[in-house]
Amino acid sequence: MALRSWWSTELAAMANVRRLDFAGVIEEIGLSQARDGGLDMVARAPYSQLVYQRLGIEIARVIRQTYLPPKKVIALDCDNTLWGGVIGEDHLSGIALGDDYPGRSFRLFQSALLALRQRGILLVLTSKNEAADVWQVCDHHPAMLIQRGDIAAHRIDWQAKSANLRSLASELNLGLDSFVFIDDSPTERLEVLTNAPAVTVLPLPKDPAQYVEVLLQLWCFDAANITAEDQQRTQYMRQEQQRQQLQAGDVSLGDYLAALQLKVNIRPVVMLSELRPEASSDLGGITTTAEGMTASVTGAELARIAQLTQKPISSISL
């Protein structure tokens, strides 16, 4: 097991290398089901047909994630999807959400959704409800894992969900083919399939205990590489929404800057008159980012700065 873990770590650090966990396939099937003594005797192939089928599926999944981009957005219903029951009728104390069945099923489903969010998948809400009722659950229910800040955008109203998905796509500047729609209602799923066919519609099972299993079986969220930028995508989207609101005059400049929660760090660096090559890392690692472009301070620039002043300097970072 230690060697397997070491190999997994080493291979994960290699660019353009995809690992197929053969031992994991055997463990999933079970050793007794993985063996085929007769086939081994005849063809020296010790594994059952079930193993080769599962390997084929895993290989296809690796190929898919290598050559096709992942979906970017999960559009979620709320009632009987994120929690059991109807919030407008059952109220905060009456919905099923907690550590016991059936509430535990919804809590585990939320946990799986948040794991996808950590990989850069945006979570949005499209729910036929009163907005105040939905936010009451997000803000005040003790078992609610998905919080208001985890939601990149929302449409909580009584409009057709296909129309709301188009509106969300426009707001997020993404195509409808980037969306996966999750709703417990067959009627709502059919409406989206009919009127927004580019959206991937997930057929949820009736039993919420199976929600997580169905979600984890999806290939469309597989990504060859997950970057730090992917993990911050929800934050970037919220900042972009605030920028658009500011541009439209809906938000004041002060409110926009406050919402960004910028922190200014000022620290002494070094006396440039004593700047040595090994001391240049304080400044050499400083980068500035504007409009998506990142530039680092070069050695030549450090030398030029050193000629300008013999005074102590400080670095300022946001």
C-alpha atoms as a PDB file:
ATOM      1  CA  MET A   1       0.000   0.000   0.000  1.00  0.00           C
ATOM      2  CA  ALA A   2       2.876   2.367   0.801  1.00  0.00           C
ATOM      3  CA  LEU A   3       4.442   1.761  -2.621  1.00  0.00           C
ATOM      4  CA  ARG A   4       1.078   2.293  -4.321  1.00  0.00           C
ATOM      5  CA  SER A   5       0.612   5.565  -2.453  1.00  0.00           C
ATOM      6  CA  TRP A   6       4.127   6.695  -3.413  1.00  0.00           C
ATOM      7  CA  TRP A   7       3.512   5.904  -7.084  1.00  0.00           C
ATOM      8  CA  SER A   8       0.210   7.795  -7.006  1.00  0.00           C
ATOM      9  CA  THR A   9       1.899  10.869  -5.535  1.00  0.00           C
ATOM     10  CA  GLU A  10       4.802  10.790  -7.978  1.00  0.00           C
ATOM     11  CA  LEU A  11       2.610  10.274 -11.040  1.00  0.00           C
ATOM     12  CA  ALA A  12       0.212  13.030  -9.976  1.00  0.00           C
ATOM     13  CA  ALA A  13       3.119  15.489 -10.091  1.00  0.00           C
ATOM     14  CA  MET A  14       3.987  14.612 -13.693  1.00  0.00           C
ATOM     15  CA  ALA A  15       2.473  16.751 -16.422  1.00  0.00           C
ATOM     16  CA  ASN A  16       0.448  14.961 -19.096  1.00  0.00           C
ATOM     17  CA  VAL A  17       0.537  11.646 -17.227  1.00  0.00           C
ATOM     18  CA  ARG A  18      -2.800  10.022 -16.405  1.00  0.00           C
ATOM     19  CA  ARG A  19      -2.951   7.297 -13.786  1.00  0.00           C
ATOM     20  CA  LEU A  20      -5.377   4.389 -14.105  1.00  0.00           C
ATOM     21  CA  ASP A  21      -5.844   2.710 -10.724  1.00  0.00           C
ATOM     22  CA  PHE A  22      -5.949  -0.981 -11.662  1.00  0.00           C
ATOM     23  CA  ALA A  23      -5.724  -2.095  -8.033  1.00  0.00           C
ATOM     24  CA  GLY A  24      -8.677   0.153  -7.266  1.00  0.00           C
ATOM     25  CA  VAL A  25     -10.696  -1.573 -10.005  1.00  0.00           C
ATOM     26  CA  ILE A  26      -9.931  -4.980  -8.460  1.00  0.00           C
ATOM     27  CA  GLU A  27     -10.902  -3.708  -4.997  1.00  0.00           C
ATOM     28  CA  GLU A  28     -14.173  -2.289  -6.312  1.00  0.00           C
ATOM     29  CA  ILE A  29     -15.128  -5.541  -8.039  1.00  0.00           C
ATOM     30  CA  GLY A  30     -13.864  -7.817  -5.281  1.00  0.00           C
ATOM     31  CA  LEU A  31     -11.079 -10.365  -5.565  1.00  0.00           C
ATOM     32  CA  SER A  32     -13.410 -13.355  -5.932  1.00  0.00           C
ATOM     33  CA  GLN A  33     -15.281 -11.687  -8.819  1.00  0.00           C
ATOM     34  CA  ALA A  34     -12.063 -10.479 -10.448  1.00  0.00           C
ATOM     35  CA  ARG A  35     -10.533 -13.928 -10.865  1.00  0.00           C
ATOM     36  CA  ASP A  36     -11.352 -16.411 -13.621  1.00  0.00           C
ATOM     37  CA  GLY A  37      -9.535 -19.692 -13.114  1.00  0.00           C
ATOM     38  CA  GLY A  38     -10.871 -21.220 -16.313  1.00  0.00           C
ATOM     39  CA  LEU A  39      -9.758 -18.320 -18.487  1.00  0.00           C
ATOM     40  CA  ASP A  40      -6.380 -18.355 -16.774  1.00  0.00           C
ATOM     41  CA  MET A  41      -5.969 -22.044 -17.546  1.00  0.00           C
ATOM     42  CA  VAL A  42      -6.956 -21.714 -21.216  1.00  0.00           C
ATOM     43  CA  ALA A  43      -5.487 -18.336 -22.185  1.00  0.00           C
ATOM     44  CA  ARG A  44      -3.227 -17.368 -19.264  1.00  0.00           C
ATOM     45  CA  ALA A  45      -5.578 -14.434 -18.650  1.00  0.00           C
ATOM     46  CA  PRO A  46      -6.308 -14.534 -14.917  1.00  0.00           C
ATOM     47  CA  TYR A  47      -8.957 -11.818 -14.821  1.00  0.00           C
ATOM     48  CA  SER A  48     -12.682 -12.127 -15.444  1.00  0.00           C
ATOM     49  CA  GLN A  49     -14.589 -10.357 -18.201  1.00  0.00           C
ATOM     50  CA  LEU A  50     -15.959  -8.005 -15.540  1.00  0.00           C
ATOM     51  CA  VAL A  51     -12.436  -6.694 -14.893  1.00  0.00           C
ATOM     52  CA  TYR A  52     -11.846  -5.984 -18.578  1.00  0.00           C
ATOM     53  CA  GLN A  53     -15.213  -4.239 -18.846  1.00  0.00           C
ATOM     54  CA  ARG A  54     -14.393  -2.011 -15.886  1.00  0.00           C
ATOM     55  CA  LEU A  55     -10.912  -1.305 -17.271  1.00  0.00           C
ATOM     56  CA  GLY A  56     -12.449  -0.289 -20.593  1.00  0.00           C
ATOM     57  CA  ILE A  57     -14.771   2.120 -18.803  1.00  0.00           C
ATOM     58  CA  GLU A  58     -11.896   3.620 -16.796  1.00  0.00           C
ATOM     59  CA  ILE A  59      -9.750   4.020 -19.924  1.00  0.00           C
ATOM     60  CA  ALA A  60     -12.625   5.734 -21.734  1.00  0.00           C
ATOM     61  CA  ARG A  61     -13.075   8.068 -18.768  1.00  0.00           C
ATOM     62  CA  VAL A  62      -9.387   9.026 -18.810  1.00  0.00           C
ATOM     63  CA  ILE A  63      -9.549   9.695 -22.568  1.00  0.00           C
ATOM     64  CA  ARG A  64     -12.654  11.828 -22.091  1.00  0.00           C
ATOM     65  CA  GLN A  65     -11.093  14.013 -19.397  1.00  0.00           C
ATOM     66  CA  THR A  66      -7.926  14.425 -21.485  1.00  0.00           C
ATOM     67  CA  TYR A  67      -9.600  15.666 -24.654  1.00  0.00           C
ATOM     68  CA  LEU A  68     -12.928  17.181 -23.580  1.00  0.00           C
ATOM     69  CA  PRO A  69     -13.404  20.170 -21.257  1.00  0.00           C
ATOM     70  CA  PRO A  70     -15.404  19.601 -18.068  1.00  0.00           C
ATOM     71  CA  LYS A  71     -18.782  21.143 -17.378  1.00  0.00           C
ATOM     72  CA  LYS A  72     -18.473  24.346 -15.399  1.00  0.00           C
ATOM     73  CA  VAL A  73     -21.818  24.892 -13.648  1.00  0.00           C
ATOM     74  CA  ILE A  74     -24.254  22.842 -11.569  1.00  0.00           C
ATOM     75  CA  ALA A  75     -27.727  24.414 -11.537  1.00  0.00           C
ATOM     76  CA  LEU A  76     -29.586  23.175  -8.476  1.00  0.00           C
ATOM     77  CA  ASP A  77     -33.190  22.985  -7.451  1.00  0.00           C
ATOM     78  CA  CYS A  78     -33.740  23.315  -3.692  1.00  0.00           C
ATOM     79  CA  ASP A  79     -36.871  21.503  -2.429  1.00  0.00           C
ATOM     80  CA  ASN A  80     -36.308  17.725  -2.330  1.00  0.00           C
ATOM     81  CA  THR A  81     -32.915  18.264  -3.952  1.00  0.00           C
ATOM     82  CA  LEU A  82     -30.802  20.113  -1.387  1.00  0.00           C
ATOM     83  CA  TRP A  83     -33.176  19.224   1.434  1.00  0.00           C
ATOM     84  CA  GLY A  84     -36.208  17.029   1.908  1.00  0.00           C
ATOM     85  CA  GLY A  85     -39.602  18.672   1.804  1.00  0.00           C
ATOM     86  CA  VAL A  86     -40.893  22.020   0.585  1.00  0.00           C
ATOM     87  CA  ILE A  87     -39.578  24.990   2.544  1.00  0.00           C
ATOM     88  CA  GLY A  88     -42.619  27.145   1.743  1.00  0.00           C
ATOM     89  CA  GLU A  89     -44.921  24.549   3.318  1.00  0.00           C
ATOM     90  CA  ASP A  90     -42.778  22.712   5.877  1.00  0.00           C
ATOM     91  CA  HIS A  91     -40.857  25.766   7.118  1.00  0.00           C
ATOM     92  CA  LEU A  92     -37.339  25.687   8.572  1.00  0.00           C
ATOM     93  CA  SER A  93     -38.043  23.160  11.330  1.00  0.00           C
ATOM     94  CA  GLY A  94     -39.969  20.783   9.068  1.00  0.00           C
ATOM     95  CA  ILE A  95     -37.542  20.086   6.229  1.00  0.00           C
ATOM     96  CA  ALA A  96     -35.436  16.907   6.223  1.00  0.00           C
ATOM     97  CA  LEU A  97     -31.792  17.850   6.676  1.00  0.00           C
ATOM     98  CA  GLY A  98     -29.518  16.423   9.351  1.00  0.00           C
ATOM     99  CA  ASP A  99     -27.547  13.428  10.548  1.00  0.00           C
ATOM    100  CA  ASP A 100     -30.344  10.843  10.325  1.00  0.00           C
ATOM    101  CA  TYR A 101     -32.167   9.414   7.309  1.00  0.00           C
ATOM    102  CA  PRO A 102     -33.577  10.908   5.147  1.00  0.00           C
ATOM    103  CA  GLY A 103     -31.946  14.213   6.104  1.00  0.00           C
ATOM    104  CA  ARG A 104     -28.485  12.646   6.073  1.00  0.00           C
ATOM    105  CA  SER A 105     -28.870  11.794   2.384  1.00  0.00           C
ATOM    106  CA  PHE A 106     -29.311  15.471   1.507  1.00  0.00           C
ATOM    107  CA  ARG A 107     -26.448  16.515   3.777  1.00  0.00           C
ATOM    108  CA  LEU A 108     -24.082  14.029   2.111  1.00  0.00           C
ATOM    109  CA  PHE A 109     -25.272  15.231  -1.290  1.00  0.00           C
ATOM    110  CA  GLN A 110     -24.428  18.807  -0.320  1.00  0.00           C
ATOM    111  CA  SER A 111     -20.990  17.662   0.837  1.00  0.00           C
ATOM    112  CA  ALA A 112     -20.355  16.040  -2.554  1.00  0.00           C
ATOM    113  CA  LEU A 113     -21.464  19.229  -4.312  1.00  0.00           C
ATOM    114  CA  LEU A 114     -19.084  21.310  -2.192  1.00  0.00           C
ATOM    115  CA  ALA A 115     -16.242  18.952  -3.113  1.00  0.00           C
ATOM    116  CA  LEU A 116     -16.967  19.702  -6.772  1.00  0.00           C
ATOM    117  CA  ARG A 117     -17.047  23.409  -5.966  1.00  0.00           C
ATOM    118  CA  GLN A 118     -13.540  23.082  -4.498  1.00  0.00           C
ATOM    119  CA  ARG A 119     -12.453  21.761  -7.902  1.00  0.00           C
ATOM    120  CA  GLY A 120     -13.783  24.869  -9.642  1.00  0.00           C
ATOM    121  CA  ILE A 121     -17.367  23.862 -10.495  1.00  0.00           C
ATOM    122  CA  LEU A 122     -19.796  26.756  -9.980  1.00  0.00           C
ATOM    123  CA  LEU A 123     -22.944  26.138  -7.942  1.00  0.00           C
ATOM    124  CA  VAL A 124     -26.033  28.143  -8.900  1.00  0.00           C
ATOM    125  CA  LEU A 125     -29.639  27.946  -7.720  1.00  0.00           C
ATOM    126  CA  THR A 126     -32.737  27.869  -9.866  1.00  0.00           C
ATOM    127  CA  SER A 127     -35.697  27.309  -7.578  1.00  0.00           C
ATOM    128  CA  LYS A 128     -39.415  28.045  -7.642  1.00  0.00           C
ATOM    129  CA  ASN A 129     -39.661  29.518  -4.176  1.00  0.00           C
ATOM    130  CA  GLU A 130     -39.704  32.725  -2.239  1.00  0.00           C
ATOM    131  CA  ALA A 131     -36.119  33.926  -2.040  1.00  0.00           C
ATOM    132  CA  ALA A 132     -36.414  34.749   1.664  1.00  0.00           C
ATOM    133  CA  ASP A 133     -37.376  31.143   2.439  1.00  0.00           C
ATOM    134  CA  VAL A 134     -34.377  29.714   0.575  1.00  0.00           C
ATOM    135  CA  TRP A 135     -31.905  32.103   2.183  1.00  0.00           C
ATOM    136  CA  GLN A 136     -33.378  31.335   5.591  1.00  0.00           C
ATOM    137  CA  VAL A 137     -32.302  27.715   5.136  1.00  0.00           C
ATOM    138  CA  CYS A 138     -28.835  28.683   3.868  1.00  0.00           C
ATOM    139  CA  ASP A 139     -28.256  31.189   6.634  1.00  0.00           C
ATOM    140  CA  HIS A 140     -29.938  29.598   9.647  1.00  0.00           C
ATOM    141  CA  HIS A 141     -30.433  25.839   9.340  1.00  0.00           C
ATOM    142  CA  PRO A 142     -27.734  24.173  11.490  1.00  0.00           C
ATOM    143  CA  ALA A 143     -27.332  21.189   9.136  1.00  0.00           C
ATOM    144  CA  MET A 144     -27.113  23.225   5.910  1.00  0.00           C
ATOM    145  CA  LEU A 145     -23.614  22.810   4.447  1.00  0.00           C
ATOM    146  CA  ILE A 146     -24.011  24.948   1.320  1.00  0.00           C
ATOM    147  CA  GLN A 147     -23.939  28.566   2.424  1.00  0.00           C
ATOM    148  CA  ARG A 148     -24.956  31.726   0.617  1.00  0.00           C
ATOM    149  CA  GLY A 149     -21.315  32.478  -0.202  1.00  0.00           C
ATOM    150  CA  ASP A 150     -20.965  29.146  -1.999  1.00  0.00           C
ATOM    151  CA  ILE A 151     -23.577  30.165  -4.570  1.00  0.00           C
ATOM    152  CA  ALA A 152     -22.138  31.888  -7.648  1.00  0.00           C
ATOM    153  CA  ALA A 153     -25.534  33.110  -8.915  1.00  0.00           C
ATOM    154  CA  HIS A 154     -29.216  32.380  -8.412  1.00  0.00           C
ATOM    155  CA  ARG A 155     -32.680  32.652  -9.897  1.00  0.00           C
ATOM    156  CA  ILE A 156     -35.260  32.099  -7.158  1.00  0.00           C
ATOM    157  CA  ASP A 157     -38.615  32.947  -8.708  1.00  0.00           C
ATOM    158  CA  TRP A 158     -41.571  31.400 -10.505  1.00  0.00           C
ATOM    159  CA  GLN A 159     -40.253  31.589 -14.066  1.00  0.00           C
ATOM    160  CA  ALA A 160     -39.618  28.601 -16.323  1.00  0.00           C
ATOM    161  CA  LYS A 161     -36.312  27.024 -15.393  1.00  0.00           C
ATOM    162  CA  SER A 162     -35.108  26.926 -18.988  1.00  0.00           C
ATOM    163  CA  ALA A 163     -35.505  30.713 -19.118  1.00  0.00           C
ATOM    164  CA  ASN A 164     -33.681  31.087 -15.814  1.00  0.00           C
ATOM    165  CA  LEU A 165     -30.834  28.917 -17.070  1.00  0.00           C
ATOM    166  CA  ARG A 166     -30.445  31.174 -20.107  1.00  0.00           C
ATOM    167  CA  SER A 167     -30.387  34.183 -17.801  1.00  0.00           C
ATOM    168  CA  LEU A 168     -27.759  32.565 -15.573  1.00  0.00           C
ATOM    169  CA  ALA A 169     -25.645  31.645 -18.602  1.00  0.00           C
ATOM    170  CA  SER A 170     -25.730  35.269 -19.730  1.00  0.00           C
ATOM    171  CA  GLU A 171     -24.788  36.528 -16.268  1.00  0.00           C
ATOM    172  CA  LEU A 172     -21.881  34.107 -15.941  1.00  0.00           C
ATOM    173  CA  ASN A 173     -20.827  34.635 -19.576  1.00  0.00           C
ATOM    174  CA  LEU A 174     -20.931  30.895 -20.239  1.00  0.00           C
ATOM    175  CA  GLY A 175     -22.709  28.742 -22.788  1.00  0.00           C
ATOM    176  CA  LEU A 176     -25.662  26.570 -21.843  1.00  0.00           C
ATOM    177  CA  ASP A 177     -23.570  23.547 -22.761  1.00  0.00           C
ATOM    178  CA  SER A 178     -21.474  24.297 -19.653  1.00  0.00           C
ATOM    179  CA  PHE A 179     -24.466  23.608 -17.363  1.00  0.00           C
ATOM    180  CA  VAL A 180     -25.646  20.475 -15.577  1.00  0.00           C
ATOM    181  CA  PHE A 181     -29.208  20.782 -14.255  1.00  0.00           C
ATOM    182  CA  ILE A 182     -30.218  18.844 -11.118  1.00  0.00           C
ATOM    183  CA  ASP A 183     -33.872  18.733 -10.078  1.00  0.00           C
ATOM    184  CA  ASP A 184     -35.964  16.021  -8.420  1.00  0.00           C
ATOM    185  CA  SER A 185     -39.030  16.886 -10.522  1.00  0.00           C
ATOM    186  CA  PRO A 186     -39.448  14.926 -13.795  1.00  0.00           C
ATOM    187  CA  THR A 187     -41.684  17.757 -15.047  1.00  0.00           C
ATOM    188  CA  GLU A 188     -38.981  20.393 -14.545  1.00  0.00           C
ATOM    189  CA  ARG A 189     -36.345  18.150 -16.103  1.00  0.00           C
ATOM    190  CA  LEU A 190     -38.519  17.592 -19.173  1.00  0.00           C
ATOM    191  CA  GLU A 191     -39.143  21.344 -19.494  1.00  0.00           C
ATOM    192  CA  VAL A 192     -35.395  22.022 -19.550  1.00  0.00           C
ATOM    193  CA  LEU A 193     -34.697  19.131 -21.929  1.00  0.00           C
ATOM    194  CA  THR A 194     -37.315  20.516 -24.310  1.00  0.00           C
ATOM    195  CA  ASN A 195     -36.533  24.227 -24.140  1.00  0.00           C
ATOM    196  CA  ALA A 196     -32.802  24.255 -23.335  1.00  0.00           C
ATOM    197  CA  PRO A 197     -31.446  21.094 -24.999  1.00  0.00           C
ATOM    198  CA  ALA A 198     -27.816  22.197 -24.692  1.00  0.00           C
ATOM    199  CA  VAL A 199     -28.045  21.761 -20.906  1.00  0.00           C
ATOM    200  CA  THR A 200     -27.086  18.370 -19.472  1.00  0.00           C
ATOM    201  CA  VAL A 201     -30.015  17.180 -17.340  1.00  0.00           C
ATOM    202  CA  LEU A 202     -29.240  14.715 -14.558  1.00  0.00           C
ATOM    203  CA  PRO A 203     -32.010  12.123 -14.019  1.00  0.00           C
ATOM    204  CA  LEU A 204     -32.132  11.985 -10.227  1.00  0.00           C
ATOM    205  CA  PRO A 205     -33.399   8.738  -8.682  1.00  0.00           C
ATOM    206  CA  LYS A 206     -36.456   8.849  -6.438  1.00  0.00           C
ATOM    207  CA  ASP A 207     -34.470   7.747  -3.382  1.00  0.00           C
ATOM    208  CA  PRO A 208     -32.258  10.612  -2.094  1.00  0.00           C
ATOM    209  CA  ALA A 209     -29.902   8.018  -0.614  1.00  0.00           C
ATOM    210  CA  GLN A 210     -28.727   7.404  -4.200  1.00  0.00           C
ATOM    211  CA  TYR A 211     -28.090  11.065  -5.059  1.00  0.00           C
ATOM    212  CA  VAL A 212     -24.390  11.000  -4.157  1.00  0.00           C
ATOM    213  CA  GLU A 213     -23.713   7.789  -6.072  1.00  0.00           C
ATOM    214  CA  VAL A 214     -25.326   9.196  -9.216  1.00  0.00           C
ATOM    215  CA  LEU A 215     -23.375  12.461  -8.908  1.00  0.00           C
ATOM    216  CA  LEU A 216     -20.023  10.721  -8.464  1.00  0.00           C
ATOM    217  CA  GLN A 217     -20.597   8.542 -11.518  1.00  0.00           C
ATOM    218  CA  LEU A 218     -20.720  11.573 -13.812  1.00  0.00           C
ATOM    219  CA  TRP A 219     -17.756  11.946 -16.147  1.00  0.00           C
ATOM    220  CA  CYS A 220     -18.593  15.463 -17.233  1.00  0.00           C
ATOM    221  CA  PHE A 221     -16.861  17.079 -14.229  1.00  0.00           C
ATOM    222  CA  ASP A 222     -13.578  15.217 -14.733  1.00  0.00           C
ATOM    223  CA  ALA A 223     -10.678  17.576 -15.394  1.00  0.00           C
ATOM    224  CA  ALA A 224      -7.187  16.629 -16.498  1.00  0.00           C
ATOM    225  CA  ASN A 225      -5.696  19.269 -14.194  1.00  0.00           C
ATOM    226  CA  ILE A 226      -7.157  21.419 -11.416  1.00  0.00           C
ATOM    227  CA  THR A 227      -5.453  24.782 -10.955  1.00  0.00           C
ATOM    228  CA  ALA A 228      -5.553  27.305  -8.114  1.00  0.00           C
ATOM    229  CA  GLU A 229      -7.537  29.558 -10.443  1.00  0.00           C
ATOM    230  CA  ASP A 230     -10.154  26.819 -10.843  1.00  0.00           C
ATOM    231  CA  GLN A 231     -10.523  26.579  -7.081  1.00  0.00           C
ATOM    232  CA  GLN A 232     -11.159  30.329  -6.811  1.00  0.00           C
ATOM    233  CA  ARG A 233     -13.646  30.461  -9.698  1.00  0.00           C
ATOM    234  CA  THR A 234     -16.697  31.207  -7.524  1.00  0.00           C
ATOM    235  CA  GLN A 235     -14.902  34.154  -5.918  1.00  0.00           C
ATOM    236  CA  TYR A 236     -13.830  35.485  -9.328  1.00  0.00           C
ATOM    237  CA  MET A 237     -17.375  35.195 -10.646  1.00  0.00           C
ATOM    238  CA  ARG A 238     -18.816  37.071  -7.674  1.00  0.00           C
ATOM    239  CA  GLN A 239     -16.258  39.837  -8.158  1.00  0.00           C
ATOM    240  CA  GLU A 240     -17.151  40.033 -11.846  1.00  0.00           C
ATOM    241  CA  GLN A 241     -20.843  40.299 -10.956  1.00  0.00           C
ATOM    242  CA  GLN A 242     -20.061  43.138  -8.562  1.00  0.00           C
ATOM    243  CA  ARG A 243     -17.975  44.848 -11.250  1.00  0.00           C
ATOM    244  CA  GLN A 244     -20.890  44.630 -13.679  1.00  0.00           C
ATOM    245  CA  GLN A 245     -23.263  46.009 -11.055  1.00  0.00           C
ATOM    246  CA  LEU A 246     -20.861  48.885 -10.413  1.00  0.00           C
ATOM    247  CA  GLN A 247     -20.639  49.585 -14.140  1.00  0.00           C
ATOM    248  CA  ALA A 248     -24.438  49.630 -14.339  1.00  0.00           C
ATOM    249  CA  GLY A 249     -24.652  51.983 -11.369  1.00  0.00           C
ATOM    250  CA  ASP A 250     -26.341  49.429  -9.104  1.00  0.00           C
ATOM    251  CA  VAL A 251     -23.501  49.391  -6.550  1.00  0.00           C
ATOM    252  CA  SER A 252     -21.421  52.249  -5.177  1.00  0.00           C
ATOM    253  CA  LEU A 253     -17.640  52.199  -5.533  1.00  0.00           C
ATOM    254  CA  GLY A 254     -17.277  52.036  -1.754  1.00  0.00           C
ATOM    255  CA  ASP A 255     -19.560  49.015  -1.467  1.00  0.00           C
ATOM    256  CA  TYR A 256     -17.735  47.299  -4.334  1.00  0.00           C
ATOM    257  CA  LEU A 257     -14.309  47.779  -2.743  1.00  0.00           C
ATOM    258  CA  ALA A 258     -15.651  46.670   0.631  1.00  0.00           C
ATOM    259  CA  ALA A 259     -17.091  43.505  -0.923  1.00  0.00           C
ATOM    260  CA  LEU A 260     -13.693  42.612  -2.404  1.00  0.00           C
ATOM    261  CA  GLN A 261     -12.280  42.440   1.153  1.00  0.00           C
ATOM    262  CA  LEU A 262      -8.872  43.562  -0.057  1.00  0.00           C
ATOM    263  CA  LYS A 263      -6.017  43.434   2.437  1.00  0.00           C
ATOM    264  CA  VAL A 264      -2.935  45.612   2.065  1.00  0.00           C
ATOM    265  CA  ASN A 265       0.313  44.137   3.401  1.00  0.00           C
ATOM    266  CA  ILE A 266       3.300  46.448   3.913  1.00  0.00           C
ATOM    267  CA  ARG A 267       6.612  44.971   5.040  1.00  0.00           C
ATOM    268  CA  PRO A 268      10.266  46.011   4.964  1.00  0.00           C
ATOM    269  CA  VAL A 269      12.307  44.235   2.313  1.00  0.00           C
ATOM    270  CA  VAL A 270      16.035  45.026   2.466  1.00  0.00           C
ATOM    271  CA  MET A 271      18.525  47.910   2.215  1.00  0.00           C
ATOM    272  CA  LEU A 272      19.106  48.012  -1.523  1.00  0.00           C
ATOM    273  CA  SER A 273      22.652  49.231  -1.019  1.00  0.00           C
ATOM    274  CA  GLU A 274      23.324  45.838   0.580  1.00  0.00           C
ATOM    275  CA  LEU A 275      21.284  43.849  -1.938  1.00  0.00           C
ATOM    276  CA  ARG A 276      22.987  40.560  -2.721  1.00  0.00           C
ATOM    277  CA  PRO A 277      21.870  37.941  -5.250  1.00  0.00           C
ATOM    278  CA  GLU A 278      20.718  35.625  -2.476  1.00  0.00           C
ATOM    279  CA  ALA A 279      18.713  38.476  -0.909  1.00  0.00           C
ATOM    280  CA  SER A 280      16.866  39.335  -4.078  1.00  0.00           C
ATOM    281  CA  SER A 281      14.135  36.777  -3.477  1.00  0.00           C
ATOM    282  CA  ASP A 282      12.213  39.284  -1.344  1.00  0.00           C
ATOM    283  CA  LEU A 283      11.707  41.469  -4.376  1.00  0.00           C
ATOM    284  CA  GLY A 284      12.141  38.914  -7.133  1.00  0.00           C
ATOM    285  CA  GLY A 285       9.087  37.014  -5.973  1.00  0.00           C
ATOM    286  CA  ILE A 286       6.869  40.070  -6.031  1.00  0.00           C
ATOM    287  CA  THR A 287       4.331  40.010  -8.822  1.00  0.00           C
ATOM    288  CA  THR A 288       1.754  42.450 -10.002  1.00  0.00           C
ATOM    289  CA  THR A 289      -1.501  41.433 -11.621  1.00  0.00           C
ATOM    290  CA  ALA A 290      -3.728  43.650 -13.743  1.00  0.00           C
ATOM    291  CA  GLU A 291      -6.445  42.662 -16.191  1.00  0.00           C
ATOM    292  CA  GLY A 292      -5.385  39.018 -16.027  1.00  0.00           C
ATOM    293  CA  MET A 293      -1.703  39.696 -16.830  1.00  0.00           C
ATOM    294  CA  THR A 294       0.976  38.751 -14.295  1.00  0.00           C
ATOM    295  CA  ALA A 295       4.544  40.099 -14.356  1.00  0.00           C
ATOM    296  CA  SER A 296       7.458  39.421 -12.005  1.00  0.00           C
ATOM    297  CA  VAL A 297      10.225  41.783 -10.933  1.00  0.00           C
ATOM    298  CA  THR A 298      13.346  40.798 -12.914  1.00  0.00           C
ATOM    299  CA  GLY A 299      16.978  40.924 -11.879  1.00  0.00           C
ATOM    300  CA  ALA A 300      17.640  43.854 -14.233  1.00  0.00           C
ATOM    301  CA  GLU A 301      14.780  45.798 -12.666  1.00  0.00           C
ATOM    302  CA  LEU A 302      16.183  45.087  -9.190  1.00  0.00           C
ATOM    303  CA  ALA A 303      19.530  46.536 -10.230  1.00  0.00           C
ATOM    304  CA  ARG A 304      17.829  49.630 -11.660  1.00  0.00           C
ATOM    305  CA  ILE A 305      15.853  50.105  -8.441  1.00  0.00           C
ATOM    306  CA  ALA A 306      19.070  49.779  -6.431  1.00  0.00           C
ATOM    307  CA  GLN A 307      20.597  52.679  -8.371  1.00  0.00           C
ATOM    308  CA  LEU A 308      17.673  54.976  -7.569  1.00  0.00           C
ATOM    309  CA  THR A 309      17.860  54.990  -3.793  1.00  0.00           C
ATOM    310  CA  GLN A 310      20.041  53.967  -0.892  1.00  0.00           C
ATOM    311  CA  LYS A 311      17.144  54.104   1.561  1.00  0.00           C
ATOM    312  CA  PRO A 312      15.255  51.187   3.108  1.00  0.00           C
ATOM    313  CA  ILE A 313      12.255  50.107   1.055  1.00  0.00           C
ATOM    314  CA  SER A 314       9.054  48.199   1.720  1.00  0.00           C
ATOM    315  CA  SER A 315       6.901  45.946  -0.400  1.00  0.00           C
ATOM    316  CA  ILE A 316       3.180  46.606  -0.709  1.00  0.00           C
ATOM    317  CA  SER A 317       0.914  43.758  -1.734  1.00  0.00           C
ATOM    318  CA  LEU A 318      -2.848  43.252  -2.068  1.00  0.00           C
END
